[in-house]
Amino acid sequence: MLTKTLEQTYFVIDFDSTFTKVEGLDELAAISLASQKNRDEVVGKIKELTDRGMAGELSFEQALQQRIELLSASREHVDLLVEFLRGKVSDSFLRNKEFISEYRDQIYIVSSGFREFIEPIVTEMGVREDHVFANTFRFDEAGTIVGYDDTNVLSKMGVR
């Protein structure tokens, strides 16, 4: 009977500080700014913007745009972040990997984080790629992050 009930149930899961133990964009900042003298200051500003956006002191769009501008990140940094995040999956998800695989058709990841670092982590755990809904970065020809898809509803606050 439990299986029949679960077949009709959908699981919608956030990524940052839920599926993983950390905030992906904050960690990307730490990685991308590792060699800069003012790294701690800039990472602190990014974390502050994250907190202010979550607290409603800044609009989500303002906080996201300002954090992206401070990042100075590239595809290479995103790849390093993915490697880092593999070790930061929350214990409860690691313990339930079999459940995730078994119910993969009913599990969705919905996040205001970024697909480029979310998808590799959750698909390795059994989540379907087409069940990941997140923002996407915009890159220039050199592979530097220059923005994000601001038409994505997940990049906005309060969209109905």
Foldseek 3Di string as FASTA:
>chain_A
DVVVVLVPAAAEAEPACTQFVHGLLLVLQCQQCVPPPCSVVLSVVLVVLVVCCVVVVDFLLVSQFVSLVSRFGFLVSLVVSLVVRLVGGDPVLVVCLVVCQVSQVRYAYAYQAELSNRQVNVVVSRHDSVRYHYWHFDADPVGTGDGTPPVRPSSGPPDD
